[in-house]
Every structure is written in C-alpha cells, then in structure tokens.
Amino acid sequence: MLIPKQDRATGSSYPGPRTGTPAEVARLKVALIEIVPPIWRRVTIPVNLTLRRLHSVLQSTMGWKDVQPHRFRVGDTLIGMPATVHDGMKDSRWVTVQDLINARIGTLYYDYGENSRWVHELWIERVDPGTLNNQRPACVAGERACPPEESSGPDEYVDWILAARDPYGQPDSGKDKRSKDWQRAFDPERFDLEKVNAALAILPL
C-alpha cells in the first residue's frame, strides 16, 4: 500500500523537506508499451522527487510537449492532478519516489494523453548513494524518437510510419503532401541524448 509522508502538525501529506544532505538517486527505465522495437529511456533522479516533478522529467526525457492529461498507476491507485477532492485520485504533489521505494514498488505505469492513449511502463532498477553532483535528473541512455503528439496512439503511429515509408503513396491535396513530406523527414530511429539532457538541465524543480 502506498502511504505518503504525513505532516505531524497538520496530518496532511507532504513531499518531505530538502536538506543539505544529498538524496539517494534512483535509476529508472521507462518504455512505451505496444511499440516494437521499443522506445525507451533510462534516467536518474533524486528519490525525494515528487511524482508531479517526475511527470515533468518524463515529458522532457521522452520528448512529449506536456499538453495532454497524465496520471500514474500503482496497482489500483491512481496518482496525478485530481479535478476535485472526491475523484479518487491521489495528488502527485504529495507522493515521492522514496514513498514508492518504501512501499517496495518496483514497477508502475505512466499514462499520457486523452483516454490514456500512450502507456509507459516504469521500472525502478536500483538506488545509488547521493552526491553533490547527481542531484539533478539526467538521462543516461535511450533509443528511438518520441512519437509525434499528432498520432493518437501506438496503432496509428505504426500506420503513420509505414505510410511515410511507402514510395507509392500519393497525397490527394496540398495539405496531404505537406503532411507526407513531414512524415518522411521524421526519423523514428533518432535519439539525441545531449538534447534531452539540455532540456533536463533547465527544468524547474
């Protein structure tokens, strides 16, 4: 069972204070489900990061634009941005990665997009000692480009890639031609580690 930390004075949950002692660092692997070959990233983050901040890290790491709804799933528990206090979703501002580790949760899911059209599986691979030099999120490895926001999910993305590679595909209009040209310019195998880490370096935490 996932139990966030509690404020002793008020009884409310909170992410825990930051102190001068470096936090331990978790190494996570995140991969999109239902796409082969897989689109994945490996990232290191301090364990005192809240899931709300982890959401921002995942957006920058994967290459999404943070314009659609998201949520985390831990078993039957939903964690994200509750619309009301009665919708049954825990607030991701008050759950940390350390809370997951304390609850012995090694795998969770991150849904992005309307109707959870993009599902990511996250694994907490290991926890390392914290130092003064590893307290910022960093991407250490990954493969393949993030799907465009315009694609509605894995099935359409695969169809989109296949259509872009079709040398006989004939657009029906000028708009379709521009779309086809843009598709052909997209490289699904491209992953720019330096670009990802540049985005993470300026991410407000």
N, C-alpha and C. Protein backbone atom coordinates (compact mmCIF):
# COMPACT_ATOMS: atom_id res chain seq x y z
N MET A 1 0.85 -1.21 0.00
CA MET A 1 0.00 0.00 0.00
C MET A 1 0.88 1.24 0.00
N LEU A 2 0.55 2.21 -0.83
CA LEU A 2 1.33 3.43 -0.95
C LEU A 2 0.85 4.43 0.09
N ILE A 3 1.75 4.83 1.01
CA ILE A 3 1.40 5.77 2.07
C ILE A 3 2.37 6.94 2.02
N PRO A 4 1.92 8.13 1.58
CA PRO A 4 2.81 9.29 1.57
C PRO A 4 3.19 9.70 2.98
N LYS A 5 4.24 10.50 3.08
CA LYS A 5 4.64 11.04 4.37
C LYS A 5 3.56 11.95 4.91
N GLN A 6 3.52 12.09 6.23
CA GLN A 6 2.49 12.91 6.86
C GLN A 6 3.13 14.05 7.65
N ASP A 7 2.53 15.21 7.57
CA ASP A 7 2.95 16.34 8.37
C ASP A 7 2.45 16.12 9.80
N ARG A 8 3.37 16.10 10.76
CA ARG A 8 2.97 15.79 12.14
C ARG A 8 2.06 16.85 12.73
N ALA A 9 2.20 18.09 12.28
CA ALA A 9 1.40 19.17 12.86
C ALA A 9 -0.02 19.18 12.32
N THR A 10 -0.16 18.94 11.01
CA THR A 10 -1.48 19.10 10.40
C THR A 10 -2.10 17.79 9.97
N GLY A 11 -1.28 16.72 9.86
CA GLY A 11 -1.79 15.45 9.38
C GLY A 11 -1.85 15.37 7.87
N SER A 12 -1.47 16.44 7.16
CA SER A 12 -1.54 16.44 5.71
C SER A 12 -0.29 15.82 5.12
N SER A 13 -0.40 15.31 3.90
CA SER A 13 0.73 14.71 3.23
C SER A 13 1.63 15.79 2.65
N TYR A 14 2.91 15.51 2.58
CA TYR A 14 3.85 16.46 2.01
C TYR A 14 5.04 15.71 1.44
N PRO A 15 5.77 16.33 0.51
CA PRO A 15 6.83 15.61 -0.18
C PRO A 15 8.12 15.49 0.60
N GLY A 16 8.21 16.11 1.73
CA GLY A 16 9.43 15.99 2.53
C GLY A 16 10.36 17.16 2.27
N PRO A 17 10.98 17.69 3.33
CA PRO A 17 11.85 18.85 3.16
C PRO A 17 13.16 18.48 2.50
N ARG A 18 13.73 19.43 1.78
CA ARG A 18 15.04 19.23 1.20
C ARG A 18 16.08 19.68 2.22
N THR A 19 17.07 18.90 2.44
CA THR A 19 18.10 19.24 3.40
C THR A 19 19.42 19.36 2.67
N GLY A 20 20.49 19.68 3.45
CA GLY A 20 21.80 19.80 2.85
C GLY A 20 22.42 18.47 2.51
N THR A 21 21.89 17.37 3.02
CA THR A 21 22.43 16.05 2.72
C THR A 21 21.91 15.58 1.37
N PRO A 22 22.81 15.19 0.47
CA PRO A 22 22.34 14.74 -0.85
C PRO A 22 21.40 13.54 -0.74
N ALA A 23 20.32 13.58 -1.50
CA ALA A 23 19.37 12.46 -1.50
C ALA A 23 19.94 11.30 -2.29
N GLU A 24 19.51 10.10 -1.95
CA GLU A 24 19.86 8.95 -2.77
C GLU A 24 19.28 9.14 -4.17
N VAL A 25 19.83 8.41 -5.12
CA VAL A 25 19.44 8.58 -6.51
C VAL A 25 18.91 7.26 -7.06
N ALA A 26 17.71 7.31 -7.64
CA ALA A 26 17.11 6.11 -8.24
C ALA A 26 17.37 6.11 -9.74
N ARG A 27 17.64 4.92 -10.27
CA ARG A 27 17.75 4.78 -11.71
C ARG A 27 16.49 4.12 -12.22
N LEU A 28 15.80 4.81 -13.13
CA LEU A 28 14.54 4.33 -13.69
C LEU A 28 14.72 4.01 -15.16
N LYS A 29 13.98 3.02 -15.62
CA LYS A 29 13.85 2.79 -17.05
C LYS A 29 12.39 2.96 -17.41
N VAL A 30 12.13 3.70 -18.49
CA VAL A 30 10.77 3.94 -18.95
C VAL A 30 10.67 3.55 -20.41
N ALA A 31 9.61 2.83 -20.75
CA ALA A 31 9.42 2.36 -22.13
C ALA A 31 7.95 2.47 -22.51
N LEU A 32 7.71 2.88 -23.75
CA LEU A 32 6.35 2.90 -24.27
C LEU A 32 5.89 1.48 -24.55
N ILE A 33 4.68 1.16 -24.15
CA ILE A 33 4.10 -0.16 -24.37
C ILE A 33 3.50 -0.24 -25.78
N GLU A 34 3.56 -1.42 -26.37
CA GLU A 34 2.92 -1.75 -27.64
C GLU A 34 3.63 -1.15 -28.86
N ILE A 35 4.89 -0.79 -28.72
CA ILE A 35 5.67 -0.36 -29.87
C ILE A 35 6.93 -1.21 -29.97
N VAL A 36 7.14 -1.80 -31.15
CA VAL A 36 8.30 -2.65 -31.40
C VAL A 36 8.97 -2.18 -32.68
N PRO A 37 10.30 -1.95 -32.65
CA PRO A 37 11.20 -2.04 -31.50
C PRO A 37 10.88 -0.96 -30.47
N PRO A 38 11.23 -1.18 -29.22
CA PRO A 38 10.77 -0.30 -28.14
C PRO A 38 11.39 1.09 -28.19
N ILE A 39 10.61 2.05 -27.72
CA ILE A 39 11.08 3.42 -27.47
C ILE A 39 11.28 3.51 -25.97
N TRP A 40 12.52 3.72 -25.54
CA TRP A 40 12.80 3.68 -24.11
C TRP A 40 13.86 4.70 -23.72
N ARG A 41 13.88 5.02 -22.42
CA ARG A 41 14.88 5.90 -21.83
C ARG A 41 15.28 5.35 -20.47
N ARG A 42 16.51 5.65 -20.08
CA ARG A 42 16.97 5.36 -18.72
C ARG A 42 17.38 6.68 -18.09
N VAL A 43 16.86 6.97 -16.90
CA VAL A 43 17.06 8.26 -16.28
C VAL A 43 17.40 8.08 -14.80
N THR A 44 18.20 9.00 -14.26
CA THR A 44 18.50 9.00 -12.83
C THR A 44 17.86 10.23 -12.21
N ILE A 45 17.26 10.05 -11.02
CA ILE A 45 16.57 11.14 -10.34
C ILE A 45 16.79 11.00 -8.83
N PRO A 46 16.84 12.10 -8.09
CA PRO A 46 16.89 12.00 -6.63
C PRO A 46 15.58 11.43 -6.10
N VAL A 47 15.66 10.60 -5.07
CA VAL A 47 14.46 9.90 -4.59
C VAL A 47 13.47 10.83 -3.90
N ASN A 48 13.91 12.06 -3.54
CA ASN A 48 12.95 12.97 -2.91
C ASN A 48 12.10 13.72 -3.92
N LEU A 49 12.22 13.38 -5.20
CA LEU A 49 11.40 14.00 -6.23
C LEU A 49 9.96 13.54 -6.09
N THR A 50 9.01 14.47 -6.18
CA THR A 50 7.60 14.09 -6.16
C THR A 50 7.21 13.52 -7.53
N LEU A 51 6.10 12.81 -7.57
CA LEU A 51 5.64 12.29 -8.86
C LEU A 51 5.17 13.41 -9.78
N ARG A 52 4.75 14.54 -9.23
CA ARG A 52 4.42 15.69 -10.09
C ARG A 52 5.67 16.16 -10.82
N ARG A 53 6.79 16.20 -10.11
CA ARG A 53 8.04 16.60 -10.76
C ARG A 53 8.56 15.48 -11.66
N LEU A 54 8.34 14.24 -11.26
CA LEU A 54 8.74 13.14 -12.12
C LEU A 54 8.00 13.20 -13.45
N HIS A 55 6.74 13.61 -13.42
CA HIS A 55 5.98 13.80 -14.65
C HIS A 55 6.71 14.76 -15.59
N SER A 56 7.19 15.89 -15.05
CA SER A 56 7.91 16.86 -15.87
C SER A 56 9.20 16.27 -16.43
N VAL A 57 9.89 15.47 -15.61
CA VAL A 57 11.12 14.82 -16.06
C VAL A 57 10.82 13.86 -17.21
N LEU A 58 9.76 13.08 -17.07
CA LEU A 58 9.41 12.11 -18.11
C LEU A 58 9.02 12.81 -19.41
N GLN A 59 8.33 13.94 -19.30
CA GLN A 59 7.96 14.68 -20.51
C GLN A 59 9.21 15.12 -21.27
N SER A 60 10.18 15.68 -20.56
CA SER A 60 11.40 16.13 -21.21
C SER A 60 12.24 14.96 -21.70
N THR A 61 12.25 13.88 -20.92
CA THR A 61 13.09 12.73 -21.27
C THR A 61 12.56 12.00 -22.50
N MET A 62 11.24 11.79 -22.53
CA MET A 62 10.66 11.07 -23.66
C MET A 62 10.56 11.96 -24.90
N GLY A 63 10.28 13.26 -24.69
CA GLY A 63 10.13 14.17 -25.81
C GLY A 63 8.71 14.65 -26.04
N TRP A 64 7.81 14.45 -25.06
CA TRP A 64 6.45 14.94 -25.16
C TRP A 64 6.41 16.44 -24.89
N LYS A 65 5.25 17.06 -25.13
CA LYS A 65 5.12 18.52 -25.00
C LYS A 65 4.30 18.95 -23.79
N ASP A 66 3.85 18.00 -22.98
CA ASP A 66 3.08 18.30 -21.77
C ASP A 66 1.84 19.14 -22.06
N VAL A 67 1.07 18.71 -23.05
CA VAL A 67 -0.16 19.42 -23.41
C VAL A 67 -1.40 18.54 -23.23
N GLN A 68 -1.22 17.34 -22.69
CA GLN A 68 -2.32 16.41 -22.54
C GLN A 68 -2.38 15.88 -21.10
N PRO A 69 -3.51 15.28 -20.73
CA PRO A 69 -3.63 14.77 -19.36
C PRO A 69 -2.65 13.63 -19.08
N HIS A 70 -2.32 13.45 -17.81
CA HIS A 70 -1.44 12.36 -17.43
C HIS A 70 -1.88 11.80 -16.09
N ARG A 71 -1.38 10.62 -15.80
CA ARG A 71 -1.58 10.02 -14.48
C ARG A 71 -0.57 8.88 -14.30
N PHE A 72 -0.29 8.56 -13.05
CA PHE A 72 0.49 7.38 -12.71
C PHE A 72 -0.47 6.32 -12.17
N ARG A 73 -0.12 5.07 -12.39
CA ARG A 73 -0.89 3.96 -11.83
C ARG A 73 0.03 3.05 -11.05
N VAL A 74 -0.31 2.85 -9.78
CA VAL A 74 0.42 1.93 -8.91
C VAL A 74 -0.59 0.92 -8.41
N GLY A 75 -0.64 -0.26 -9.03
CA GLY A 75 -1.71 -1.19 -8.73
C GLY A 75 -3.03 -0.56 -9.09
N ASP A 76 -3.95 -0.51 -8.12
CA ASP A 76 -5.26 0.12 -8.36
C ASP A 76 -5.28 1.60 -7.99
N THR A 77 -4.15 2.12 -7.54
CA THR A 77 -4.09 3.51 -7.10
C THR A 77 -3.73 4.43 -8.26
N LEU A 78 -4.53 5.49 -8.44
CA LEU A 78 -4.27 6.49 -9.46
C LEU A 78 -3.67 7.72 -8.80
N ILE A 79 -2.61 8.27 -9.40
CA ILE A 79 -1.91 9.42 -8.85
C ILE A 79 -1.71 10.44 -9.97
N GLY A 80 -2.13 11.67 -9.71
CA GLY A 80 -1.99 12.68 -10.75
C GLY A 80 -2.44 14.03 -10.28
N MET A 81 -3.29 14.68 -11.08
CA MET A 81 -3.81 16.01 -10.76
C MET A 81 -5.32 15.91 -10.57
N PRO A 82 -5.79 15.67 -9.36
CA PRO A 82 -7.23 15.47 -9.13
C PRO A 82 -8.04 16.70 -9.54
N ALA A 83 -9.16 16.44 -10.20
CA ALA A 83 -10.05 17.54 -10.58
C ALA A 83 -10.80 18.05 -9.36
N THR A 84 -11.16 17.14 -8.45
CA THR A 84 -11.84 17.50 -7.20
C THR A 84 -11.28 16.62 -6.10
N VAL A 85 -11.65 16.91 -4.88
CA VAL A 85 -11.19 16.10 -3.74
C VAL A 85 -11.93 14.78 -3.67
N HIS A 86 -12.95 14.62 -4.51
CA HIS A 86 -13.77 13.41 -4.45
C HIS A 86 -13.56 12.47 -5.63
N ASP A 87 -12.60 12.74 -6.52
CA ASP A 87 -12.50 11.91 -7.72
C ASP A 87 -11.65 10.65 -7.53
N GLY A 88 -11.14 10.43 -6.33
CA GLY A 88 -10.46 9.17 -6.04
C GLY A 88 -9.01 9.11 -6.50
N MET A 89 -8.47 10.20 -7.00
CA MET A 89 -7.08 10.22 -7.45
C MET A 89 -6.21 10.92 -6.41
N LYS A 90 -5.07 10.30 -6.06
CA LYS A 90 -4.14 10.93 -5.14
C LYS A 90 -3.41 12.06 -5.85
N ASP A 91 -3.07 13.09 -5.11
CA ASP A 91 -2.36 14.24 -5.67
C ASP A 91 -0.88 13.91 -5.79
N SER A 92 -0.35 14.03 -7.02
CA SER A 92 1.04 13.64 -7.26
C SER A 92 2.04 14.59 -6.62
N ARG A 93 1.58 15.72 -6.08
CA ARG A 93 2.49 16.62 -5.38
C ARG A 93 2.90 16.07 -4.02
N TRP A 94 2.14 15.09 -3.52
CA TRP A 94 2.38 14.62 -2.16
C TRP A 94 2.89 13.18 -2.11
N VAL A 95 3.30 12.64 -3.23
CA VAL A 95 3.88 11.30 -3.28
C VAL A 95 5.25 11.40 -3.92
N THR A 96 6.25 10.86 -3.25
CA THR A 96 7.62 10.92 -3.77
C THR A 96 8.08 9.55 -4.28
N VAL A 97 9.16 9.57 -5.02
CA VAL A 97 9.77 8.32 -5.46
C VAL A 97 10.20 7.50 -4.25
N GLN A 98 10.65 8.18 -3.19
CA GLN A 98 11.03 7.47 -1.97
C GLN A 98 9.84 6.72 -1.37
N ASP A 99 8.65 7.31 -1.46
CA ASP A 99 7.45 6.62 -0.98
C ASP A 99 7.24 5.30 -1.72
N LEU A 100 7.48 5.30 -3.03
CA LEU A 100 7.35 4.07 -3.82
C LEU A 100 8.37 3.03 -3.36
N ILE A 101 9.59 3.49 -3.15
CA ILE A 101 10.65 2.57 -2.71
C ILE A 101 10.33 2.00 -1.34
N ASN A 102 9.85 2.87 -0.42
CA ASN A 102 9.50 2.40 0.93
C ASN A 102 8.39 1.37 0.88
N ALA A 103 7.47 1.51 -0.09
CA ALA A 103 6.36 0.57 -0.23
C ALA A 103 6.74 -0.66 -1.07
N ARG A 104 8.04 -0.77 -1.43
CA ARG A 104 8.55 -1.90 -2.20
C ARG A 104 7.87 -2.01 -3.57
N ILE A 105 7.61 -0.86 -4.16
CA ILE A 105 7.02 -0.81 -5.50
C ILE A 105 8.15 -0.66 -6.51
N GLY A 106 8.33 -1.65 -7.35
CA GLY A 106 9.41 -1.62 -8.33
C GLY A 106 8.95 -1.27 -9.73
N THR A 107 7.62 -1.42 -9.99
CA THR A 107 7.09 -1.16 -11.32
C THR A 107 5.81 -0.34 -11.19
N LEU A 108 5.67 0.66 -12.05
CA LEU A 108 4.44 1.45 -12.10
C LEU A 108 4.21 1.87 -13.55
N TYR A 109 3.06 2.50 -13.78
CA TYR A 109 2.69 2.89 -15.14
C TYR A 109 2.42 4.39 -15.18
N TYR A 110 2.75 4.98 -16.31
CA TYR A 110 2.56 6.40 -16.55
C TYR A 110 1.76 6.56 -17.83
N ASP A 111 0.54 7.07 -17.71
CA ASP A 111 -0.35 7.25 -18.85
C ASP A 111 -0.31 8.70 -19.30
N TYR A 112 -0.26 8.89 -20.61
CA TYR A 112 -0.23 10.25 -21.16
C TYR A 112 -1.17 10.33 -22.36
N GLY A 113 -2.01 11.37 -22.37
CA GLY A 113 -2.91 11.58 -23.48
C GLY A 113 -4.35 11.26 -23.12
N GLU A 114 -5.27 11.80 -23.90
CA GLU A 114 -6.70 11.52 -23.71
C GLU A 114 -6.94 10.02 -23.80
N ASN A 115 -7.74 9.52 -22.87
CA ASN A 115 -8.07 8.09 -22.80
C ASN A 115 -6.81 7.23 -22.65
N SER A 116 -5.77 7.81 -22.04
CA SER A 116 -4.54 7.07 -21.75
C SER A 116 -3.98 6.38 -22.99
N ARG A 117 -3.88 7.14 -24.07
CA ARG A 117 -3.51 6.50 -25.33
C ARG A 117 -2.04 6.10 -25.39
N TRP A 118 -1.19 6.76 -24.59
CA TRP A 118 0.21 6.36 -24.51
C TRP A 118 0.49 5.83 -23.11
N VAL A 119 0.85 4.57 -23.02
CA VAL A 119 1.12 3.93 -21.73
C VAL A 119 2.60 3.63 -21.64
N HIS A 120 3.22 4.12 -20.57
CA HIS A 120 4.64 3.89 -20.31
C HIS A 120 4.77 2.96 -19.11
N GLU A 121 5.65 2.01 -19.20
CA GLU A 121 5.99 1.19 -18.05
C GLU A 121 7.29 1.69 -17.44
N LEU A 122 7.29 1.89 -16.13
CA LEU A 122 8.47 2.38 -15.42
C LEU A 122 8.98 1.32 -14.46
N TRP A 123 10.29 1.11 -14.47
CA TRP A 123 10.93 0.19 -13.54
C TRP A 123 11.92 0.97 -12.69
N ILE A 124 11.88 0.79 -11.38
CA ILE A 124 12.92 1.32 -10.51
C ILE A 124 14.01 0.25 -10.47
N GLU A 125 15.09 0.49 -11.19
CA GLU A 125 16.10 -0.55 -11.37
C GLU A 125 17.03 -0.67 -10.18
N ARG A 126 17.41 0.48 -9.60
CA ARG A 126 18.31 0.42 -8.44
C ARG A 126 18.36 1.79 -7.78
N VAL A 127 18.92 1.84 -6.58
CA VAL A 127 19.11 3.09 -5.85
C VAL A 127 20.58 3.22 -5.48
N ASP A 128 21.16 4.36 -5.83
CA ASP A 128 22.57 4.61 -5.57
C ASP A 128 22.73 5.73 -4.55
N PRO A 129 23.91 5.81 -3.91
CA PRO A 129 24.16 6.91 -2.96
C PRO A 129 24.09 8.26 -3.65
N GLY A 130 23.64 9.25 -2.90
CA GLY A 130 23.59 10.60 -3.43
C GLY A 130 24.90 11.33 -3.22
N THR A 131 25.24 12.18 -4.16
CA THR A 131 26.41 13.04 -4.06
C THR A 131 26.00 14.45 -4.43
N LEU A 132 26.91 15.40 -4.25
CA LEU A 132 26.60 16.77 -4.63
C LEU A 132 26.47 16.94 -6.13
N ASN A 133 26.95 15.95 -6.89
CA ASN A 133 26.96 16.06 -8.35
C ASN A 133 25.86 15.30 -9.06
N ASN A 134 25.01 14.58 -8.32
CA ASN A 134 23.98 13.79 -9.02
C ASN A 134 22.56 14.11 -8.55
N GLN A 135 22.34 15.34 -8.12
CA GLN A 135 21.03 15.72 -7.59
C GLN A 135 20.09 16.31 -8.64
N ARG A 136 20.55 16.44 -9.86
CA ARG A 136 19.69 16.85 -10.96
C ARG A 136 19.30 15.62 -11.78
N PRO A 137 18.06 15.59 -12.31
CA PRO A 137 17.70 14.48 -13.20
C PRO A 137 18.62 14.44 -14.41
N ALA A 138 18.94 13.24 -14.85
CA ALA A 138 19.80 13.08 -16.03
C ALA A 138 19.38 11.83 -16.78
N CYS A 139 19.42 11.92 -18.09
CA CYS A 139 19.16 10.76 -18.94
C CYS A 139 20.50 10.14 -19.29
N VAL A 140 20.62 8.84 -19.07
CA VAL A 140 21.90 8.17 -19.31
C VAL A 140 21.89 7.29 -20.55
N ALA A 141 20.71 6.98 -21.07
CA ALA A 141 20.63 6.13 -22.27
C ALA A 141 19.22 6.18 -22.82
N GLY A 142 19.07 5.75 -24.05
CA GLY A 142 17.75 5.68 -24.67
C GLY A 142 17.86 5.26 -26.12
N GLU A 143 16.72 4.93 -26.67
CA GLU A 143 16.67 4.54 -28.08
C GLU A 143 15.37 5.01 -28.71
N ARG A 144 15.48 5.53 -29.91
CA ARG A 144 14.39 5.86 -30.81
C ARG A 144 13.64 7.13 -30.40
N ALA A 145 13.05 7.74 -31.41
CA ALA A 145 12.40 9.03 -31.24
C ALA A 145 11.03 8.89 -30.58
N CYS A 146 10.65 9.94 -29.88
CA CYS A 146 9.31 10.01 -29.30
C CYS A 146 8.29 10.16 -30.44
N PRO A 147 7.17 9.45 -30.38
CA PRO A 147 6.13 9.64 -31.41
C PRO A 147 5.62 11.07 -31.42
N PRO A 148 5.20 11.58 -32.55
CA PRO A 148 4.63 12.94 -32.61
C PRO A 148 3.33 13.01 -31.80
N GLU A 149 3.08 14.18 -31.23
CA GLU A 149 1.84 14.37 -30.47
C GLU A 149 0.61 14.17 -31.35
N GLU A 150 0.76 14.37 -32.68
CA GLU A 150 -0.40 14.27 -33.57
C GLU A 150 -0.92 12.84 -33.69
N SER A 151 -0.07 11.86 -33.45
CA SER A 151 -0.52 10.47 -33.57
C SER A 151 -1.34 10.11 -32.34
N SER A 152 -2.39 9.34 -32.56
CA SER A 152 -3.37 9.11 -31.50
C SER A 152 -3.06 7.90 -30.64
N GLY A 153 -1.99 7.19 -30.91
CA GLY A 153 -1.65 6.02 -30.13
C GLY A 153 -0.74 5.09 -30.90
N PRO A 154 -0.33 3.99 -30.29
CA PRO A 154 0.62 3.07 -30.94
C PRO A 154 0.17 2.58 -32.30
N ASP A 155 -1.10 2.20 -32.46
CA ASP A 155 -1.56 1.65 -33.74
C ASP A 155 -1.44 2.70 -34.85
N GLU A 156 -1.93 3.90 -34.59
CA GLU A 156 -1.86 4.95 -35.61
C GLU A 156 -0.41 5.34 -35.88
N TYR A 157 0.43 5.33 -34.84
CA TYR A 157 1.84 5.68 -35.03
C TYR A 157 2.52 4.69 -35.97
N VAL A 158 2.27 3.40 -35.77
CA VAL A 158 2.86 2.38 -36.65
C VAL A 158 2.36 2.57 -38.08
N ASP A 159 1.05 2.80 -38.25
CA ASP A 159 0.50 3.05 -39.59
C ASP A 159 1.12 4.29 -40.21
N TRP A 160 1.32 5.30 -39.39
CA TRP A 160 1.90 6.57 -39.83
C TRP A 160 3.31 6.35 -40.36
N ILE A 161 4.12 5.55 -39.63
CA ILE A 161 5.49 5.26 -40.06
C ILE A 161 5.49 4.47 -41.36
N LEU A 162 4.62 3.47 -41.45
CA LEU A 162 4.56 2.65 -42.65
C LEU A 162 4.14 3.48 -43.86
N ALA A 163 3.17 4.39 -43.67
CA ALA A 163 2.73 5.24 -44.77
C ALA A 163 3.84 6.17 -45.23
N ALA A 164 4.63 6.66 -44.28
CA ALA A 164 5.72 7.56 -44.63
C ALA A 164 6.79 6.86 -45.45
N ARG A 165 6.92 5.55 -45.24
CA ARG A 165 7.94 4.79 -45.96
C ARG A 165 7.44 4.25 -47.30
N ASP A 166 6.15 4.46 -47.59
CA ASP A 166 5.57 3.93 -48.82
C ASP A 166 5.95 4.81 -50.01
N PRO A 167 6.82 4.34 -50.89
CA PRO A 167 7.26 5.19 -52.01
C PRO A 167 6.16 5.43 -53.03
N TYR A 168 5.07 4.64 -52.97
CA TYR A 168 3.99 4.78 -53.95
C TYR A 168 2.80 5.56 -53.41
N GLY A 169 2.90 5.98 -52.15
CA GLY A 169 1.79 6.73 -51.58
C GLY A 169 1.63 8.08 -52.26
N GLN A 170 0.43 8.38 -52.70
CA GLN A 170 0.17 9.62 -53.42
C GLN A 170 -0.77 10.51 -52.62
N PRO A 171 -0.32 11.67 -52.18
CA PRO A 171 -1.21 12.57 -51.45
C PRO A 171 -2.32 13.09 -52.36
N ASP A 172 -3.47 13.37 -51.76
CA ASP A 172 -4.64 13.82 -52.52
C ASP A 172 -4.76 15.33 -52.59
N SER A 173 -4.00 16.05 -51.74
CA SER A 173 -4.12 17.50 -51.71
C SER A 173 -2.80 18.10 -51.28
N GLY A 174 -2.73 19.44 -51.38
CA GLY A 174 -1.52 20.12 -50.95
C GLY A 174 -1.26 19.92 -49.47
N LYS A 175 -2.32 19.92 -48.66
CA LYS A 175 -2.17 19.70 -47.23
C LYS A 175 -1.64 18.30 -46.97
N ASP A 176 -2.18 17.30 -47.67
CA ASP A 176 -1.71 15.93 -47.50
C ASP A 176 -0.25 15.80 -47.92
N LYS A 177 0.14 16.54 -48.97
CA LYS A 177 1.51 16.47 -49.43
C LYS A 177 2.46 17.02 -48.38
N ARG A 178 2.08 18.14 -47.76
CA ARG A 178 2.93 18.70 -46.70
C ARG A 178 3.05 17.72 -45.55
N SER A 179 1.92 17.06 -45.19
CA SER A 179 1.95 16.08 -44.12
C SER A 179 2.86 14.92 -44.48
N LYS A 180 2.74 14.44 -45.73
CA LYS A 180 3.57 13.32 -46.18
C LYS A 180 5.05 13.70 -46.17
N ASP A 181 5.36 14.90 -46.64
CA ASP A 181 6.75 15.35 -46.64
C ASP A 181 7.30 15.41 -45.22
N TRP A 182 6.46 15.89 -44.28
CA TRP A 182 6.91 15.99 -42.89
C TRP A 182 7.11 14.60 -42.30
N GLN A 183 6.22 13.67 -42.63
CA GLN A 183 6.36 12.30 -42.15
C GLN A 183 7.68 11.69 -42.64
N ARG A 184 7.99 11.92 -43.92
CA ARG A 184 9.20 11.33 -44.48
C ARG A 184 10.45 11.94 -43.88
N ALA A 185 10.35 13.18 -43.37
CA ALA A 185 11.50 13.82 -42.73
C ALA A 185 11.71 13.33 -41.30
N PHE A 186 10.67 12.73 -40.72
CA PHE A 186 10.76 12.24 -39.34
C PHE A 186 11.58 10.95 -39.31
N ASP A 187 12.56 10.89 -38.42
CA ASP A 187 13.41 9.71 -38.29
C ASP A 187 13.05 8.99 -37.00
N PRO A 188 12.31 7.88 -37.07
CA PRO A 188 11.89 7.18 -35.85
C PRO A 188 13.05 6.56 -35.08
N GLU A 189 14.21 6.43 -35.71
CA GLU A 189 15.36 5.83 -35.04
C GLU A 189 16.23 6.87 -34.32
N ARG A 190 15.93 8.13 -34.50
CA ARG A 190 16.80 9.18 -33.95
C ARG A 190 16.54 9.40 -32.46
N PHE A 191 17.62 9.45 -31.69
CA PHE A 191 17.54 9.81 -30.27
C PHE A 191 18.74 10.68 -29.95
N ASP A 192 18.48 11.89 -29.46
CA ASP A 192 19.53 12.86 -29.18
C ASP A 192 19.70 13.00 -27.68
N LEU A 193 20.67 12.28 -27.12
CA LEU A 193 20.90 12.28 -25.67
C LEU A 193 21.30 13.67 -25.18
N GLU A 194 22.13 14.38 -25.92
CA GLU A 194 22.57 15.71 -25.49
C GLU A 194 21.39 16.68 -25.44
N LYS A 195 20.49 16.59 -26.40
CA LYS A 195 19.32 17.47 -26.42
C LYS A 195 18.42 17.20 -25.22
N VAL A 196 18.23 15.93 -24.89
CA VAL A 196 17.40 15.57 -23.74
C VAL A 196 18.01 16.13 -22.45
N ASN A 197 19.31 15.95 -22.27
CA ASN A 197 19.94 16.43 -21.05
C ASN A 197 20.00 17.95 -20.98
N ALA A 198 20.06 18.60 -22.13
CA ALA A 198 19.99 20.07 -22.13
C ALA A 198 18.63 20.54 -21.63
N ALA A 199 17.56 19.82 -22.02
CA ALA A 199 16.21 20.16 -21.55
C ALA A 199 16.07 19.88 -20.05
N LEU A 200 16.64 18.78 -19.59
CA LEU A 200 16.56 18.45 -18.17
C LEU A 200 17.34 19.44 -17.31
N ALA A 201 18.44 19.98 -17.87
CA ALA A 201 19.30 20.89 -17.12
C ALA A 201 18.59 22.18 -16.75
N ILE A 202 17.60 22.59 -17.54
CA ILE A 202 16.89 23.84 -17.27
C ILE A 202 15.48 23.61 -16.73
N LEU A 203 15.17 22.35 -16.44
CA LEU A 203 13.83 22.03 -15.95
C LEU A 203 13.65 22.54 -14.52
N PRO A 204 12.63 23.35 -14.25
CA PRO A 204 12.41 23.83 -12.87
C PRO A 204 12.01 22.66 -11.98
N LEU A 205 12.70 22.56 -10.85
CA LEU A 205 12.38 21.52 -9.89
C LEU A 205 12.16 22.13 -8.50
